[in-house]
Amino acid sequence: MIYRPCADPRPDGRKSFAWAYYRDLIAAAHRQLGGPIVLVWDNVNTHLAAGMRRYVAERDWLTIYRLPS
């Protein structure tokens, strides 16, 4: 699976994934694989964002294990 987010055209724009890009990547992987997904994540701010926490909580097919700080 290859996933590439759109680059932010502003000179001071984001250079990394936003939480919504991770959400879309996870959703695409789930569609392609057709089964549950288990992720092991560090504590980067996009993984901890409120929107991402809500997304994860609403999906029973998605399990997240967080690495310690």
PDB file of N, CA and C in Angstrom:
ATOM      1  N   MET A   1       0.833  -1.164   0.000  1.00  0.00           N
ATOM      2  CA  MET A   1       0.000   0.000   0.000  1.00  0.00           C
ATOM      3  C   MET A   1       0.888   1.241   0.000  1.00  0.00           C
ATOM      4  N   ILE A   2       0.575   2.168  -0.856  1.00  0.00           N
ATOM      5  CA  ILE A   2       1.311   3.422  -0.917  1.00  0.00           C
ATOM      6  C   ILE A   2       0.322   4.546  -0.677  1.00  0.00           C
ATOM      7  N   TYR A   3       0.675   5.445   0.211  1.00  0.00           N
ATOM      8  CA  TYR A   3      -0.200   6.570   0.531  1.00  0.00           C
ATOM      9  C   TYR A   3       0.653   7.818   0.611  1.00  0.00           C
ATOM     10  N   ARG A   4       0.243   8.836  -0.113  1.00  0.00           N
ATOM     11  CA  ARG A   4       1.011  10.071  -0.123  1.00  0.00           C
ATOM     12  C   ARG A   4       0.066  11.247   0.087  1.00  0.00           C
ATOM     13  N   PRO A   5       0.252  11.995   1.168  1.00  0.00           N
ATOM     14  CA  PRO A   5      -0.622  13.153   1.387  1.00  0.00           C
ATOM     15  C   PRO A   5      -0.258  14.293   0.445  1.00  0.00           C
ATOM     16  N   CYS A   6      -1.170  15.206   0.296  1.00  0.00           N
ATOM     17  CA  CYS A   6      -0.906  16.395  -0.514  1.00  0.00           C
ATOM     18  C   CYS A   6       0.037  17.324   0.237  1.00  0.00           C
ATOM     19  N   ALA A   7       0.968  17.879  -0.473  1.00  0.00           N
ATOM     20  CA  ALA A   7       1.891  18.835   0.148  1.00  0.00           C
ATOM     21  C   ALA A   7       1.171  20.151   0.388  1.00  0.00           C
ATOM     22  N   ASP A   8       1.485  20.811   1.477  1.00  0.00           N
ATOM     23  CA  ASP A   8       0.911  22.111   1.784  1.00  0.00           C
ATOM     24  C   ASP A   8       1.662  23.147   0.954  1.00  0.00           C
ATOM     25  N   PRO A   9       0.971  23.880   0.086  1.00  0.00           N
ATOM     26  CA  PRO A   9       1.655  24.807  -0.823  1.00  0.00           C
ATOM     27  C   PRO A   9       2.224  26.056  -0.140  1.00  0.00           C
ATOM     28  N   ARG A  10       1.780  26.339   1.078  1.00  0.00           N
ATOM     29  CA  ARG A  10       2.285  27.535   1.765  1.00  0.00           C
ATOM     30  C   ARG A  10       3.738  27.323   2.191  1.00  0.00           C
ATOM     31  N   PRO A  11       4.557  28.351   2.139  1.00  0.00           N
ATOM     32  CA  PRO A  11       5.967  28.204   2.528  1.00  0.00           C
ATOM     33  C   PRO A  11       6.136  27.747   3.976  1.00  0.00           C
ATOM     34  N   ASP A  12       5.223  28.148   4.838  1.00  0.00           N
ATOM     35  CA  ASP A  12       5.323  27.754   6.244  1.00  0.00           C
ATOM     36  C   ASP A  12       4.381  26.593   6.568  1.00  0.00           C
ATOM     37  N   GLY A  13       3.908  25.895   5.541  1.00  0.00           N
ATOM     38  CA  GLY A  13       2.928  24.826   5.709  1.00  0.00           C
ATOM     39  C   GLY A  13       3.503  23.570   6.323  1.00  0.00           C
ATOM     40  N   ARG A  14       2.604  22.675   6.689  1.00  0.00           N
ATOM     41  CA  ARG A  14       2.957  21.411   7.340  1.00  0.00           C
ATOM     42  C   ARG A  14       3.876  20.585   6.452  1.00  0.00           C
ATOM     43  N   LYS A  15       4.885  20.004   7.070  1.00  0.00           N
ATOM     44  CA  LYS A  15       5.844  19.161   6.347  1.00  0.00           C
ATOM     45  C   LYS A  15       5.647  17.674   6.663  1.00  0.00           C
ATOM     46  N   SER A  16       4.717  17.381   7.544  1.00  0.00           N
ATOM     47  CA  SER A  16       4.478  15.994   7.924  1.00  0.00           C
ATOM     48  C   SER A  16       2.984  15.700   7.867  1.00  0.00           C
ATOM     49  N   PHE A  17       2.609  14.470   8.178  1.00  0.00           N
ATOM     50  CA  PHE A  17       1.208  14.063   8.168  1.00  0.00           C
ATOM     51  C   PHE A  17       0.423  14.799   9.247  1.00  0.00           C
ATOM     52  N   ALA A  18      -0.787  15.214   8.925  1.00  0.00           N
ATOM     53  CA  ALA A  18      -1.749  15.678   9.921  1.00  0.00           C
ATOM     54  C   ALA A  18      -2.522  14.445  10.392  1.00  0.00           C
ATOM     55  N   TRP A  19      -3.258  14.557  11.494  1.00  0.00           N
ATOM     56  CA  TRP A  19      -3.978  13.390  12.000  1.00  0.00           C
ATOM     57  C   TRP A  19      -4.985  12.879  10.973  1.00  0.00           C
ATOM     58  N   ALA A  20      -5.566  13.775  10.178  1.00  0.00           N
ATOM     59  CA  ALA A  20      -6.547  13.348   9.175  1.00  0.00           C
ATOM     60  C   ALA A  20      -5.897  12.474   8.093  1.00  0.00           C
ATOM     61  N   TYR A  21      -4.628  12.716   7.777  1.00  0.00           N
ATOM     62  CA  TYR A  21      -3.931  11.862   6.814  1.00  0.00           C
ATOM     63  C   TYR A  21      -3.762  10.450   7.374  1.00  0.00           C
ATOM     64  N   TYR A  22      -3.418  10.362   8.666  1.00  0.00           N
ATOM     65  CA  TYR A  22      -3.325   9.041   9.298  1.00  0.00           C
ATOM     66  C   TYR A  22      -4.681   8.345   9.278  1.00  0.00           C
ATOM     67  N   ARG A  23      -5.739   9.100   9.583  1.00  0.00           N
ATOM     68  CA  ARG A  23      -7.095   8.541   9.555  1.00  0.00           C
ATOM     69  C   ARG A  23      -7.403   7.960   8.178  1.00  0.00           C
ATOM     70  N   ASP A  24      -7.120   8.723   7.140  1.00  0.00           N
ATOM     71  CA  ASP A  24      -7.408   8.272   5.781  1.00  0.00           C
ATOM     72  C   ASP A  24      -6.553   7.065   5.391  1.00  0.00           C
ATOM     73  N   LEU A  25      -5.309   7.046   5.831  1.00  0.00           N
ATOM     74  CA  LEU A  25      -4.428   5.907   5.563  1.00  0.00           C
ATOM     75  C   LEU A  25      -4.947   4.647   6.245  1.00  0.00           C
ATOM     76  N   ILE A  26      -5.369   4.770   7.491  1.00  0.00           N
ATOM     77  CA  ILE A  26      -5.904   3.622   8.227  1.00  0.00           C
ATOM     78  C   ILE A  26      -7.188   3.116   7.569  1.00  0.00           C
ATOM     79  N   ALA A  27      -8.060   4.033   7.177  1.00  0.00           N
ATOM     80  CA  ALA A  27      -9.310   3.640   6.519  1.00  0.00           C
ATOM     81  C   ALA A  27      -9.024   2.918   5.203  1.00  0.00           C
ATOM     82  N   ALA A  28      -8.072   3.417   4.422  1.00  0.00           N
ATOM     83  CA  ALA A  28      -7.715   2.768   3.152  1.00  0.00           C
ATOM     84  C   ALA A  28      -7.132   1.379   3.391  1.00  0.00           C
ATOM     85  N   ALA A  29      -6.292   1.240   4.401  1.00  0.00           N
ATOM     86  CA  ALA A  29      -5.721  -0.069   4.718  1.00  0.00           C
ATOM     87  C   ALA A  29      -6.812  -1.045   5.135  1.00  0.00           C
ATOM     88  N   HIS A  30      -7.761  -0.574   5.912  1.00  0.00           N
ATOM     89  CA  HIS A  30      -8.858  -1.439   6.346  1.00  0.00           C
ATOM     90  C   HIS A  30      -9.696  -1.897   5.153  1.00  0.00           C
ATOM     91  N   ARG A  31      -9.970  -0.998   4.239  1.00  0.00           N
ATOM     92  CA  ARG A  31     -10.727  -1.374   3.034  1.00  0.00           C
ATOM     93  C   ARG A  31      -9.958  -2.410   2.215  1.00  0.00           C
ATOM     94  N   GLN A  32      -8.653  -2.198   2.043  1.00  0.00           N
ATOM     95  CA  GLN A  32      -7.858  -3.107   1.212  1.00  0.00           C
ATOM     96  C   GLN A  32      -7.656  -4.462   1.872  1.00  0.00           C
ATOM     97  N   LEU A  33      -7.413  -4.456   3.182  1.00  0.00           N
ATOM     98  CA  LEU A  33      -7.118  -5.703   3.882  1.00  0.00           C
ATOM     99  C   LEU A  33      -8.373  -6.445   4.311  1.00  0.00           C
ATOM    100  N   GLY A  34      -9.445  -5.703   4.556  1.00  0.00           N
ATOM    101  CA  GLY A  34     -10.708  -6.332   4.914  1.00  0.00           C
ATOM    102  C   GLY A  34     -10.734  -6.997   6.274  1.00  0.00           C
ATOM    103  N   GLY A  35      -9.888  -6.563   7.173  1.00  0.00           N
ATOM    104  CA  GLY A  35      -9.860  -7.168   8.501  1.00  0.00           C
ATOM    105  C   GLY A  35      -9.395  -6.188   9.548  1.00  0.00           C
ATOM    106  N   PRO A  36      -9.270  -6.657  10.777  1.00  0.00           N
ATOM    107  CA  PRO A  36      -8.842  -5.772  11.859  1.00  0.00           C
ATOM    108  C   PRO A  36      -7.402  -5.305  11.664  1.00  0.00           C
ATOM    109  N   ILE A  37      -7.117  -4.157  12.234  1.00  0.00           N
ATOM    110  CA  ILE A  37      -5.778  -3.568  12.128  1.00  0.00           C
ATOM    111  C   ILE A  37      -5.254  -3.299  13.529  1.00  0.00           C
ATOM    112  N   VAL A  38      -3.986  -3.629  13.747  1.00  0.00           N
ATOM    113  CA  VAL A  38      -3.307  -3.343  15.007  1.00  0.00           C
ATOM    114  C   VAL A  38      -2.121  -2.443  14.679  1.00  0.00           C
ATOM    115  N   LEU A  39      -2.049  -1.300  15.358  1.00  0.00           N
ATOM    116  CA  LEU A  39      -0.962  -0.345  15.151  1.00  0.00           C
ATOM    117  C   LEU A  39      -0.167  -0.186  16.427  1.00  0.00           C
ATOM    118  N   VAL A  40       1.133   0.003  16.279  1.00  0.00           N
ATOM    119  CA  VAL A  40       2.010   0.347  17.397  1.00  0.00           C
ATOM    120  C   VAL A  40       2.531   1.737  17.107  1.00  0.00           C
ATOM    121  N   TRP A  41       2.161   2.676  17.983  1.00  0.00           N
ATOM    122  CA  TRP A  41       2.475   4.078  17.747  1.00  0.00           C
ATOM    123  C   TRP A  41       3.334   4.660  18.842  1.00  0.00           C
ATOM    124  N   ASP A  42       4.120   5.633  18.444  1.00  0.00           N
ATOM    125  CA  ASP A  42       4.825   6.454  19.426  1.00  0.00           C
ATOM    126  C   ASP A  42       3.861   7.551  19.881  1.00  0.00           C
ATOM    127  N   ASN A  43       4.360   8.532  20.587  1.00  0.00           N
ATOM    128  CA  ASN A  43       3.499   9.573  21.135  1.00  0.00           C
ATOM    129  C   ASN A  43       3.607  10.891  20.376  1.00  0.00           C
ATOM    130  N   VAL A  44       3.768  10.824  19.068  1.00  0.00           N
ATOM    131  CA  VAL A  44       3.819  12.040  18.264  1.00  0.00           C
ATOM    132  C   VAL A  44       2.461  12.747  18.373  1.00  0.00           C
ATOM    133  N   ASN A  45       2.469  14.064  18.316  1.00  0.00           N
ATOM    134  CA  ASN A  45       1.247  14.832  18.572  1.00  0.00           C
ATOM    135  C   ASN A  45       0.087  14.478  17.643  1.00  0.00           C
ATOM    136  N   THR A  46       0.350  14.123  16.403  1.00  0.00           N
ATOM    137  CA  THR A  46      -0.746  13.769  15.497  1.00  0.00           C
ATOM    138  C   THR A  46      -1.409  12.449  15.887  1.00  0.00           C
ATOM    139  N   HIS A  47      -0.671  11.549  16.517  1.00  0.00           N
ATOM    140  CA  HIS A  47      -1.254  10.296  16.992  1.00  0.00           C
ATOM    141  C   HIS A  47      -2.128  10.535  18.212  1.00  0.00           C
ATOM    142  N   LEU A  48      -1.869  11.606  18.945  1.00  0.00           N
ATOM    143  CA  LEU A  48      -2.599  11.894  20.182  1.00  0.00           C
ATOM    144  C   LEU A  48      -3.699  12.936  20.004  1.00  0.00           C
ATOM    145  N   ALA A  49      -3.885  13.442  18.803  1.00  0.00           N
ATOM    146  CA  ALA A  49      -4.867  14.502  18.551  1.00  0.00           C
ATOM    147  C   ALA A  49      -6.282  14.037  18.916  1.00  0.00           C
ATOM    148  N   ALA A  50      -7.104  14.992  19.333  1.00  0.00           N
ATOM    149  CA  ALA A  50      -8.479  14.682  19.748  1.00  0.00           C
ATOM    150  C   ALA A  50      -9.266  13.998  18.631  1.00  0.00           C
ATOM    151  N   GLY A  51      -9.127  14.475  17.413  1.00  0.00           N
ATOM    152  CA  GLY A  51      -9.829  13.859  16.293  1.00  0.00           C
ATOM    153  C   GLY A  51      -9.408  12.419  16.076  1.00  0.00           C
ATOM    154  N   MET A  52      -8.129  12.135  16.223  1.00  0.00           N
ATOM    155  CA  MET A  52      -7.632  10.767  16.059  1.00  0.00           C
ATOM    156  C   MET A  52      -8.128   9.880  17.198  1.00  0.00           C
ATOM    157  N   ARG A  53      -8.138  10.399  18.417  1.00  0.00           N
ATOM    158  CA  ARG A  53      -8.645   9.614  19.549  1.00  0.00           C
ATOM    159  C   ARG A  53     -10.118   9.247  19.333  1.00  0.00           C
ATOM    160  N   ARG A  54     -10.919  10.196  18.844  1.00  0.00           N
ATOM    161  CA  ARG A  54     -12.334   9.906  18.566  1.00  0.00           C
ATOM    162  C   ARG A  54     -12.464   8.850  17.467  1.00  0.00           C
ATOM    163  N   TYR A  55     -11.672   8.993  16.415  1.00  0.00           N
ATOM    164  CA  TYR A  55     -11.723   8.043  15.301  1.00  0.00           C
ATOM    165  C   TYR A  55     -11.411   6.627  15.786  1.00  0.00           C
ATOM    166  N   VAL A  56     -10.360   6.483  16.568  1.00  0.00           N
ATOM    167  CA  VAL A  56      -9.958   5.169  17.073  1.00  0.00           C
ATOM    168  C   VAL A  56     -11.037   4.590  17.983  1.00  0.00           C
ATOM    169  N   ALA A  57     -11.611   5.422  18.849  1.00  0.00           N
ATOM    170  CA  ALA A  57     -12.619   4.950  19.797  1.00  0.00           C
ATOM    171  C   ALA A  57     -13.879   4.452  19.101  1.00  0.00           C
ATOM    172  N   GLU A  58     -14.176   4.957  17.930  1.00  0.00           N
ATOM    173  CA  GLU A  58     -15.394   4.592  17.209  1.00  0.00           C
ATOM    174  C   GLU A  58     -15.234   3.352  16.327  1.00  0.00           C
ATOM    175  N   ARG A  59     -14.052   2.771  16.283  1.00  0.00           N
ATOM    176  CA  ARG A  59     -13.815   1.618  15.406  1.00  0.00           C
ATOM    177  C   ARG A  59     -13.349   0.413  16.206  1.00  0.00           C
ATOM    178  N   ASP A  60     -14.191  -0.615  16.231  1.00  0.00           N
ATOM    179  CA  ASP A  60     -13.841  -1.816  16.985  1.00  0.00           C
ATOM    180  C   ASP A  60     -12.815  -2.681  16.256  1.00  0.00           C
ATOM    181  N   TRP A  61     -12.594  -2.442  14.980  1.00  0.00           N
ATOM    182  CA  TRP A  61     -11.626  -3.220  14.199  1.00  0.00           C
ATOM    183  C   TRP A  61     -10.209  -2.645  14.298  1.00  0.00           C
ATOM    184  N   LEU A  62     -10.056  -1.549  15.037  1.00  0.00           N
ATOM    185  CA  LEU A  62      -8.769  -0.863  15.136  1.00  0.00           C
ATOM    186  C   LEU A  62      -8.248  -0.910  16.571  1.00  0.00           C
ATOM    187  N   THR A  63      -7.058  -1.468  16.738  1.00  0.00           N
ATOM    188  CA  THR A  63      -6.414  -1.539  18.050  1.00  0.00           C
ATOM    189  C   THR A  63      -5.103  -0.783  17.987  1.00  0.00           C
ATOM    190  N   ILE A  64      -4.881   0.080  18.970  1.00  0.00           N
ATOM    191  CA  ILE A  64      -3.666   0.886  19.026  1.00  0.00           C
ATOM    192  C   ILE A  64      -2.900   0.525  20.293  1.00  0.00           C
ATOM    193  N   TYR A  65      -1.629   0.234  20.150  1.00  0.00           N
ATOM    194  CA  TYR A  65      -0.718   0.079  21.285  1.00  0.00           C
ATOM    195  C   TYR A  65       0.249   1.256  21.217  1.00  0.00           C
ATOM    196  N   ARG A  66       0.363   1.961  22.320  1.00  0.00           N
ATOM    197  CA  ARG A  66       1.250   3.136  22.375  1.00  0.00           C
ATOM    198  C   ARG A  66       2.561   2.771  23.061  1.00  0.00           C
ATOM    199  N   LEU A  67       3.637   3.189  22.446  1.00  0.00           N
ATOM    200  CA  LEU A  67       4.953   2.997  23.056  1.00  0.00           C
ATOM    201  C   LEU A  67       5.099   3.973  24.210  1.00  0.00           C
ATOM    202  N   PRO A  68       5.866   3.626  25.239  1.00  0.00           N
ATOM    203  CA  PRO A  68       6.093   4.571  26.321  1.00  0.00           C
ATOM    204  C   PRO A  68       6.919   5.758  25.840  1.00  0.00           C
ATOM    205  N   SER A  69       6.788   6.851  26.552  1.00  0.00           N
ATOM    206  CA  SER A  69       7.544   8.083  26.189  1.00  0.00           C
ATOM    207  C   SER A  69       9.033   7.850  26.215  1.00  0.00           C
TER     208      SER A  69
END
